């Protein structure tokens, strides 16, 4: 063994003694990180979760595809509660269900602004 290098098994044992748990996630098909201006899409990523003192750290290894994100203004929907829903979400619900704008907004309000749930709610009737 080369000086300064440890056997991976020894590293894992030392980490366990320090209370650090690691777990390799299996079958990760994609990791998505969104910022206000960019979206990082990492396909076939290798993801390791490290847990220490109740905090989880994710290590992601892979080649990201960086996509610029256009800022879409959020539409404030008022009713019994007020939600800021991106206009794109309203359009998505309308396109996927054929529902009117009002029905799409009503479904988004009922599902706390979650487009997938709103679509299912409309489809289920």
Foldseek 3Di string as FASTA:
>chain_A
DDPPDDDPVVVQVVCVVQVKDKDKDPPQAWDWDDDQFKIWIFGPWTWMWIDDPRDIDIDIDGDTDIDTDDHAFFDWDDDVHIAGEGPVLLVVLCVLAVDDSVLSSVLCVVVVNDSVSSNVVNVVD
